[in-house]
Each structure stands twice: as structure tokens, then as C-alpha cells.
């Protein structure tokens, strides 16, 4: 597996999870679901930050923004106590 193939697989994996960046701890948390072992990526690229920067440069992950939620305010009816 070449460096480019590893980065492409990682980018597709991140897109399937719906994230544009991921820490090493989060990536290790996926265990055997991860397409490439973390120590192999670190060996080829030197550090996890460099792996993430290469992913953003070569195969950027576009994640759709979360839909905006509109707040609904319920109007209270004020009863006149004096009557």
C-alpha cells in the first residue's frame, strides 16, 4: 500500500464517520475498523499532525454543516389577578 493509497483510505474513512479531523486517540479507538494501522501512518509521515495535514491537502474531507435549529418561544397568557 503506497502513501497515497493510505491517505485516500483514511480520508474516505473520516468522511464515512462525518468528521474532517481526528485525533490519534480517536483514531485508535476505532480499532480494527480503521483502514490503516496508526503506527504505519506515523512511520511513513513522522507524526499524526503531519498525517492530518497531508489528508487535508490531498483529499480534503467535506462534511456537511449541521442544520440550524430555530428556537420556538411559547407565548404565555397573563391572567389578571386583580379581578
PDB file of N, CA and C in Angstrom:
ATOM      1  N   UNK A   1       0.851  -1.174   0.000  1.00  0.00           N
ATOM      2  CA  UNK A   1       0.000   0.000   0.000  1.00  0.00           C
ATOM      3  C   UNK A   1       0.897   1.237   0.000  1.00  0.00           C
ATOM      4  N   UNK A   2       0.685   2.109  -0.958  1.00  0.00           N
ATOM      5  CA  UNK A   2       1.504   3.311  -1.052  1.00  0.00           C
ATOM      6  C   UNK A   2       0.980   4.380  -0.102  1.00  0.00           C
ATOM      7  N   UNK A   3       1.777   5.424   0.072  1.00  0.00           N
ATOM      8  CA  UNK A   3       1.357   6.536   0.938  1.00  0.00           C
ATOM      9  C   UNK A   3       0.054   7.149   0.453  1.00  0.00           C
ATOM     10  N   UNK A   4      -0.056   7.335  -0.855  1.00  0.00           N
ATOM     11  CA  UNK A   4      -1.244   7.967  -1.410  1.00  0.00           C
ATOM     12  C   UNK A   4      -2.479   7.102  -1.174  1.00  0.00           C
ATOM     13  N   UNK A   5      -2.340   5.795  -1.306  1.00  0.00           N
ATOM     14  CA  UNK A   5      -3.463   4.887  -1.074  1.00  0.00           C
ATOM     15  C   UNK A   5      -3.884   4.918   0.394  1.00  0.00           C
ATOM     16  N   UNK A   6      -2.909   5.002   1.299  1.00  0.00           N
ATOM     17  CA  UNK A   6      -3.224   5.063   2.726  1.00  0.00           C
ATOM     18  C   UNK A   6      -3.974   6.343   3.068  1.00  0.00           C
ATOM     19  N   UNK A   7      -3.511   7.460   2.519  1.00  0.00           N
ATOM     20  CA  UNK A   7      -4.152   8.747   2.795  1.00  0.00           C
ATOM     21  C   UNK A   7      -5.557   8.782   2.212  1.00  0.00           C
ATOM     22  N   UNK A   8      -5.740   8.214   1.026  1.00  0.00           N
ATOM     23  CA  UNK A   8      -7.070   8.178   0.417  1.00  0.00           C
ATOM     24  C   UNK A   8      -8.015   7.312   1.247  1.00  0.00           C
ATOM     25  N   UNK A   9      -7.544   6.167   1.729  1.00  0.00           N
ATOM     26  CA  UNK A   9      -8.369   5.292   2.561  1.00  0.00           C
ATOM     27  C   UNK A   9      -8.728   5.980   3.873  1.00  0.00           C
ATOM     28  N   UNK A  10      -7.779   6.682   4.456  1.00  0.00           N
ATOM     29  CA  UNK A  10      -8.029   7.413   5.700  1.00  0.00           C
ATOM     30  C   UNK A  10      -9.045   8.528   5.474  1.00  0.00           C
ATOM     31  N   UNK A  11      -8.925   9.228   4.363  1.00  0.00           N
ATOM     32  CA  UNK A  11      -9.855  10.310   4.044  1.00  0.00           C
ATOM     33  C   UNK A  11     -11.273   9.772   3.853  1.00  0.00           C
ATOM     34  N   UNK A  12     -11.413   8.673   3.163  1.00  0.00           N
ATOM     35  CA  UNK A  12     -12.730   8.070   2.961  1.00  0.00           C
ATOM     36  C   UNK A  12     -13.310   7.570   4.282  1.00  0.00           C
ATOM     37  N   UNK A  13     -12.456   7.035   5.148  1.00  0.00           N
ATOM     38  CA  UNK A  13     -12.903   6.571   6.459  1.00  0.00           C
ATOM     39  C   UNK A  13     -13.411   7.738   7.297  1.00  0.00           C
ATOM     40  N   UNK A  14     -12.680   8.849   7.272  1.00  0.00           N
ATOM     41  CA  UNK A  14     -13.093  10.029   8.026  1.00  0.00           C
ATOM     42  C   UNK A  14     -14.392  10.596   7.474  1.00  0.00           C
ATOM     43  N   UNK A  15     -14.560  10.563   6.154  1.00  0.00           N
ATOM     44  CA  UNK A  15     -15.798  11.050   5.545  1.00  0.00           C
ATOM     45  C   UNK A  15     -16.977  10.164   5.944  1.00  0.00           C
ATOM     46  N   UNK A  16     -16.747   8.861   6.052  1.00  0.00           N
ATOM     47  CA  UNK A  16     -17.836   7.962   6.449  1.00  0.00           C
ATOM     48  C   UNK A  16     -18.238   8.182   7.902  1.00  0.00           C
ATOM     49  N   UNK A  17     -17.296   8.627   8.723  1.00  0.00           N
ATOM     50  CA  UNK A  17     -17.601   8.916  10.123  1.00  0.00           C
ATOM     51  C   UNK A  17     -18.155  10.325  10.297  1.00  0.00           C
ATOM     52  N   UNK A  18     -18.059  11.155   9.264  1.00  0.00           N
ATOM     53  CA  UNK A  18     -18.626  12.503   9.319  1.00  0.00           C
ATOM     54  C   UNK A  18     -17.764  13.514  10.048  1.00  0.00           C
ATOM     55  N   UNK A  19     -16.450  13.306  10.054  1.00  0.00           N
ATOM     56  CA  UNK A  19     -15.544  14.250  10.707  1.00  0.00           C
ATOM     57  C   UNK A  19     -14.509  14.726   9.700  1.00  0.00           C
ATOM     58  N   UNK A  20     -14.014  15.945   9.903  1.00  0.00           N
ATOM     59  CA  UNK A  20     -12.988  16.450   8.998  1.00  0.00           C
ATOM     60  C   UNK A  20     -11.594  16.353   9.603  1.00  0.00           C
ATOM     61  N   UNK A  21     -11.500  16.096  10.881  1.00  0.00           N
ATOM     62  CA  UNK A  21     -10.214  15.918  11.548  1.00  0.00           C
ATOM     63  C   UNK A  21     -10.427  14.969  12.716  1.00  0.00           C
ATOM     64  N   UNK A  22      -9.348  14.306  13.111  1.00  0.00           N
ATOM     65  CA  UNK A  22      -9.467  13.286  14.135  1.00  0.00           C
ATOM     66  C   UNK A  22      -8.146  13.213  14.904  1.00  0.00           C
ATOM     67  N   UNK A  23      -8.222  13.068  16.206  1.00  0.00           N
ATOM     68  CA  UNK A  23      -7.002  12.908  16.991  1.00  0.00           C
ATOM     69  C   UNK A  23      -6.541  11.464  16.912  1.00  0.00           C
ATOM     70  N   UNK A  24      -5.310  11.242  17.333  1.00  0.00           N
ATOM     71  CA  UNK A  24      -4.755   9.894  17.314  1.00  0.00           C
ATOM     72  C   UNK A  24      -5.522   8.973  18.255  1.00  0.00           C
ATOM     73  N   UNK A  25      -5.924   9.491  19.402  1.00  0.00           N
ATOM     74  CA  UNK A  25      -6.674   8.689  20.373  1.00  0.00           C
ATOM     75  C   UNK A  25      -8.030   8.280  19.802  1.00  0.00           C
ATOM     76  N   UNK A  26      -8.705   9.203  19.122  1.00  0.00           N
ATOM     77  CA  UNK A  26      -9.988   8.878  18.495  1.00  0.00           C
ATOM     78  C   UNK A  26      -9.803   7.820  17.416  1.00  0.00           C
ATOM     79  N   UNK A  27      -8.741   7.961  16.625  1.00  0.00           N
ATOM     80  CA  UNK A  27      -8.486   7.009  15.543  1.00  0.00           C
ATOM     81  C   UNK A  27      -8.174   5.625  16.105  1.00  0.00           C
ATOM     82  N   UNK A  28      -7.383   5.570  17.159  1.00  0.00           N
ATOM     83  CA  UNK A  28      -7.067   4.286  17.783  1.00  0.00           C
ATOM     84  C   UNK A  28      -8.313   3.652  18.387  1.00  0.00           C
ATOM     85  N   UNK A  29      -9.262   4.459  18.795  1.00  0.00           N
ATOM     86  CA  UNK A  29     -10.492   3.963  19.386  1.00  0.00           C
ATOM     87  C   UNK A  29     -11.342   3.137  18.429  1.00  0.00           C
ATOM     88  N   UNK A  30     -11.189   3.334  17.129  1.00  0.00           N
ATOM     89  CA  UNK A  30     -11.951   2.564  16.162  1.00  0.00           C
ATOM     90  C   UNK A  30     -11.407   1.148  16.000  1.00  0.00           C
ATOM     91  N   UNK A  31     -10.203   0.889  16.472  1.00  0.00           N
ATOM     92  CA  UNK A  31      -9.641  -0.461  16.478  1.00  0.00           C
ATOM     93  C   UNK A  31      -9.498  -1.047  15.089  1.00  0.00           C
ATOM     94  N   UNK A  32     -10.087  -2.215  14.896  1.00  0.00           N
ATOM     95  CA  UNK A  32      -9.940  -2.915  13.621  1.00  0.00           C
ATOM     96  C   UNK A  32     -10.817  -2.328  12.515  1.00  0.00           C
ATOM     97  N   UNK A  33     -11.694  -1.374  12.843  1.00  0.00           N
ATOM     98  CA  UNK A  33     -12.498  -0.711  11.813  1.00  0.00           C
ATOM     99  C   UNK A  33     -11.669   0.278  10.997  1.00  0.00           C
ATOM    100  N   UNK A  34     -10.553   0.727  11.542  1.00  0.00           N
ATOM    101  CA  UNK A  34      -9.689   1.694  10.858  1.00  0.00           C
ATOM    102  C   UNK A  34      -9.030   1.017   9.653  1.00  0.00           C
ATOM    103  N   UNK A  35      -8.960   1.719   8.517  1.00  0.00           N
ATOM    104  CA  UNK A  35      -8.415   1.094   7.299  1.00  0.00           C
ATOM    105  C   UNK A  35      -6.910   0.855   7.343  1.00  0.00           C
ATOM    106  N   UNK A  36      -6.163   1.696   8.054  1.00  0.00           N
ATOM    107  CA  UNK A  36      -4.707   1.580   8.133  1.00  0.00           C
ATOM    108  C   UNK A  36      -4.314   1.692   9.601  1.00  0.00           C
ATOM    109  N   UNK A  37      -3.389   0.860  10.021  1.00  0.00           N
ATOM    110  CA  UNK A  37      -2.930   0.917  11.410  1.00  0.00           C
ATOM    111  C   UNK A  37      -2.242   2.255  11.670  1.00  0.00           C
ATOM    112  N   UNK A  38      -2.455   2.785  12.870  1.00  0.00           N
ATOM    113  CA  UNK A  38      -1.934   4.113  13.195  1.00  0.00           C
ATOM    114  C   UNK A  38      -0.406   4.153  13.199  1.00  0.00           C
ATOM    115  N   UNK A  39       0.251   3.081  13.650  1.00  0.00           N
ATOM    116  CA  UNK A  39       1.707   3.101  13.710  1.00  0.00           C
ATOM    117  C   UNK A  39       2.332   3.091  12.325  1.00  0.00           C
ATOM    118  N   UNK A  40       1.639   2.527  11.339  1.00  0.00           N
ATOM    119  CA  UNK A  40       2.163   2.552   9.966  1.00  0.00           C
ATOM    120  C   UNK A  40       2.081   3.968   9.408  1.00  0.00           C
ATOM    121  N   UNK A  41       0.957   4.645   9.658  1.00  0.00           N
ATOM    122  CA  UNK A  41       0.831   6.036   9.205  1.00  0.00           C
ATOM    123  C   UNK A  41       1.889   6.915   9.848  1.00  0.00           C
ATOM    124  N   UNK A  42       2.101   6.738  11.159  1.00  0.00           N
ATOM    125  CA  UNK A  42       3.105   7.550  11.850  1.00  0.00           C
ATOM    126  C   UNK A  42       4.507   7.234  11.358  1.00  0.00           C
ATOM    127  N   UNK A  43       4.768   5.985  10.985  1.00  0.00           N
ATOM    128  CA  UNK A  43       6.092   5.614  10.483  1.00  0.00           C
ATOM    129  C   UNK A  43       6.382   6.298   9.153  1.00  0.00           C
ATOM    130  N   UNK A  44       5.384   6.324   8.255  1.00  0.00           N
ATOM    131  CA  UNK A  44       5.595   6.930   6.939  1.00  0.00           C
ATOM    132  C   UNK A  44       5.631   8.453   6.970  1.00  0.00           C
ATOM    133  N   UNK A  45       4.817   9.061   7.804  1.00  0.00           N
ATOM    134  CA  UNK A  45       4.686  10.523   7.781  1.00  0.00           C
ATOM    135  C   UNK A  45       5.374  11.229   8.936  1.00  0.00           C
ATOM    136  N   UNK A  46       5.808  10.511   9.949  1.00  0.00           N
ATOM    137  CA  UNK A  46       6.570  11.124  11.037  1.00  0.00           C
ATOM    138  C   UNK A  46       5.763  11.460  12.264  1.00  0.00           C
ATOM    139  N   UNK A  47       4.591  12.047  12.106  1.00  0.00           N
ATOM    140  CA  UNK A  47       3.755  12.400  13.256  1.00  0.00           C
ATOM    141  C   UNK A  47       2.294  12.408  12.812  1.00  0.00           C
ATOM    142  N   UNK A  48       1.409  12.367  13.787  1.00  0.00           N
ATOM    143  CA  UNK A  48      -0.017  12.346  13.475  1.00  0.00           C
ATOM    144  C   UNK A  48      -0.482  13.676  12.893  1.00  0.00           C
ATOM    145  N   UNK A  49       0.093  14.777  13.366  1.00  0.00           N
ATOM    146  CA  UNK A  49      -0.278  16.090  12.820  1.00  0.00           C
ATOM    147  C   UNK A  49       0.091  16.190  11.348  1.00  0.00           C
ATOM    148  N   UNK A  50       1.206  15.603  10.974  1.00  0.00           N
ATOM    149  CA  UNK A  50       1.607  15.613   9.571  1.00  0.00           C
ATOM    150  C   UNK A  50       0.660  14.747   8.739  1.00  0.00           C
ATOM    151  N   UNK A  51       0.196  13.646   9.294  1.00  0.00           N
ATOM    152  CA  UNK A  51      -0.785  12.796   8.604  1.00  0.00           C
ATOM    153  C   UNK A  51      -2.046  13.599   8.317  1.00  0.00           C
ATOM    154  N   UNK A  52      -2.541  14.310   9.336  1.00  0.00           N
ATOM    155  CA  UNK A  52      -3.764  15.097   9.164  1.00  0.00           C
ATOM    156  C   UNK A  52      -3.570  16.231   8.160  1.00  0.00           C
ATOM    157  N   UNK A  53      -2.409  16.853   8.151  1.00  0.00           N
ATOM    158  CA  UNK A  53      -2.176  17.941   7.192  1.00  0.00           C
ATOM    159  C   UNK A  53      -2.096  17.410   5.766  1.00  0.00           C
ATOM    160  N   UNK A  54      -1.548  16.211   5.580  1.00  0.00           N
ATOM    161  CA  UNK A  54      -1.492  15.618   4.238  1.00  0.00           C
ATOM    162  C   UNK A  54      -2.892  15.230   3.776  1.00  0.00           C
ATOM    163  N   UNK A  55      -3.709  14.720   4.685  1.00  0.00           N
ATOM    164  CA  UNK A  55      -5.096  14.384   4.331  1.00  0.00           C
ATOM    165  C   UNK A  55      -5.841  15.634   3.889  1.00  0.00           C
ATOM    166  N   UNK A  56      -5.675  16.730   4.626  1.00  0.00           N
ATOM    167  CA  UNK A  56      -6.372  17.973   4.272  1.00  0.00           C
ATOM    168  C   UNK A  56      -5.871  18.546   2.954  1.00  0.00           C
ATOM    169  N   UNK A  57      -4.595  18.323   2.631  1.00  0.00           N
ATOM    170  CA  UNK A  57      -4.036  18.872   1.398  1.00  0.00           C
ATOM    171  C   UNK A  57      -4.391  18.016   0.175  1.00  0.00           C
ATOM    172  N   UNK A  58      -4.303  16.701   0.295  1.00  0.00           N
ATOM    173  CA  UNK A  58      -4.505  15.831  -0.867  1.00  0.00           C
ATOM    174  C   UNK A  58      -5.966  15.445  -1.081  1.00  0.00           C
ATOM    175  N   UNK A  59      -6.615  15.001  -0.032  1.00  0.00           N
ATOM    176  CA  UNK A  59      -8.004  14.549  -0.135  1.00  0.00           C
ATOM    177  C   UNK A  59      -8.829  15.217   0.957  1.00  0.00           C
ATOM    178  N   UNK A  60      -9.187  16.478   0.784  1.00  0.00           N
ATOM    179  CA  UNK A  60      -9.948  17.165   1.831  1.00  0.00           C
ATOM    180  C   UNK A  60     -11.314  16.528   2.041  1.00  0.00           C
ATOM    181  N   UNK A  61     -11.698  16.440   3.295  1.00  0.00           N
ATOM    182  CA  UNK A  61     -12.984  15.860   3.667  1.00  0.00           C
ATOM    183  C   UNK A  61     -13.990  16.986   3.800  1.00  0.00           C
ATOM    184  N   UNK A  62     -15.060  16.901   3.032  1.00  0.00           N
ATOM    185  CA  UNK A  62     -16.097  17.921   3.137  1.00  0.00           C
ATOM    186  C   UNK A  62     -17.258  17.337   3.929  1.00  0.00           C
ATOM    187  N   UNK A  63     -17.465  17.900   5.098  1.00  0.00           N
ATOM    188  CA  UNK A  63     -18.533  17.463   5.980  1.00  0.00           C
ATOM    189  C   UNK A  63     -19.634  18.505   5.922  1.00  0.00           C
ATOM    190  N   UNK A  64     -20.852  18.040   5.726  1.00  0.00           N
ATOM    191  CA  UNK A  64     -21.988  18.961   5.665  1.00  0.00           C
ATOM    192  C   UNK A  64     -22.208  19.590   7.037  1.00  0.00           C
ATOM    193  N   UNK A  65     -22.437  20.889   7.087  1.00  0.00           N
ATOM    194  CA  UNK A  65     -22.675  21.521   8.390  1.00  0.00           C
ATOM    195  C   UNK A  65     -23.988  21.049   8.993  1.00  0.00           C
ATOM    196  N   UNK A  66     -24.051  21.076  10.288  1.00  0.00           N
ATOM    197  CA  UNK A  66     -25.264  20.651  10.994  1.00  0.00           C
ATOM    198  C   UNK A  66     -26.388  21.626  10.701  1.00  0.00           C
ATOM    199  N   UNK A  67     -27.600  21.120  10.563  1.00  0.00           N
ATOM    200  CA  UNK A  67     -28.726  22.031  10.296  1.00  0.00           C
ATOM    201  C   UNK A  67     -28.982  22.930  11.494  1.00  0.00           C
ATOM    202  N   UNK A  68     -29.357  24.167  11.186  1.00  0.00           N
ATOM    203  CA  UNK A  68     -29.627  25.135  12.248  1.00  0.00           C
ATOM    204  C   UNK A  68     -30.999  24.851  12.856  1.00  0.00           C
ATOM    205  N   UNK A  69     -31.044  24.910  14.160  1.00  0.00           N
ATOM    206  CA  UNK A  69     -32.292  24.670  14.870  1.00  0.00           C
ATOM    207  C   UNK A  69     -32.859  26.013  15.296  1.00  0.00           C
ATOM    208  N   UNK A  70     -34.102  26.256  14.899  1.00  0.00           N
ATOM    209  CA  UNK A  70     -34.745  27.510  15.269  1.00  0.00           C
ATOM    210  C   UNK A  70     -35.421  27.332  16.621  1.00  0.00           C
ATOM    211  N   UNK A  71     -35.225  28.300  17.485  1.00  0.00           N
ATOM    212  CA  UNK A  71     -35.838  28.232  18.804  1.00  0.00           C
ATOM    213  C   UNK A  71     -37.266  28.741  18.709  1.00  0.00           C
ATOM    214  N   UNK A  72     -38.160  27.981  19.287  1.00  0.00           N
ATOM    215  CA  UNK A  72     -39.561  28.391  19.315  1.00  0.00           C
ATOM    216  C   UNK A  72     -39.866  28.872  20.725  1.00  0.00           C
ATOM    217  N   UNK A  73     -40.418  30.054  20.787  1.00  0.00           N
ATOM    218  CA  UNK A  73     -40.759  30.646  22.077  1.00  0.00           C
ATOM    219  C   UNK A  73     -42.266  30.593  22.233  1.00  0.00           C
ATOM    220  N   UNK A  74     -42.705  29.947  23.294  1.00  0.00           N
ATOM    221  CA  UNK A  74     -44.137  29.866  23.565  1.00  0.00           C
ATOM    222  C   UNK A  74     -44.571  31.134  24.289  1.00  0.00           C
ATOM    223  N   UNK A  75     -45.678  31.714  23.832  1.00  0.00           N
ATOM    224  CA  UNK A  75     -46.174  32.927  24.472  1.00  0.00           C
ATOM    225  C   UNK A  75     -47.037  32.550  25.666  1.00  0.00           C
ATOM    226  N   UNK A  76     -46.810  33.204  26.757  1.00  0.00           N
ATOM    227  CA  UNK A  76     -47.586  32.967  27.959  1.00  0.00           C
ATOM    228  C   UNK A  76     -48.783  33.904  27.981  1.00  0.00           C
ATOM    229  N   UNK A  77     -49.878  33.367  28.458  1.00  0.00           N
ATOM    230  CA  UNK A  77     -51.049  34.210  28.653  1.00  0.00           C
ATOM    231  C   UNK A  77     -51.008  34.710  30.097  1.00  0.00           C
ATOM    232  N   UNK A  78     -51.066  35.988  30.255  1.00  0.00           N
ATOM    233  CA  UNK A  78     -51.017  36.586  31.591  1.00  0.00           C
ATOM    234  C   UNK A  78     -52.441  36.824  32.056  1.00  0.00           C
ATOM    235  N   UNK A  79     -52.772  36.205  33.174  1.00  0.00           N
ATOM    236  CA  UNK A  79     -54.118  36.384  33.740  1.00  0.00           C
ATOM    237  C   UNK A  79     -54.089  37.531  34.726  1.00  0.00           C
ATOM    238  N   UNK A  80     -55.135  38.324  34.670  1.00  0.00           N
ATOM    239  CA  UNK A  80     -55.225  39.471  35.587  1.00  0.00           C
ATOM    240  C   UNK A  80     -55.716  38.967  36.944  1.00  0.00           C
ATOM    241  N   UNK A  81     -54.893  39.087  37.957  1.00  0.00           N
ATOM    242  CA  UNK A  81     -55.203  38.574  39.297  1.00  0.00           C
ATOM    243  C   UNK A  81     -56.155  39.501  40.047  1.00  0.00           C
ATOM    244  N   UNK A  82     -56.208  40.751  39.726  1.00  0.00           N
ATOM    245  CA  UNK A  82     -56.985  41.734  40.479  1.00  0.00           C
ATOM    246  C   UNK A  82     -58.489  41.573  40.286  1.00  0.00           C
ATOM    247  N   UNK A  83     -58.950  40.938  39.306  1.00  0.00           N
ATOM    248  CA  UNK A  83     -60.408  40.843  39.075  1.00  0.00           C
ATOM    249  C   UNK A  83     -61.113  39.917  39.996  1.00  0.00           C
TER     250      UNK A  83
END
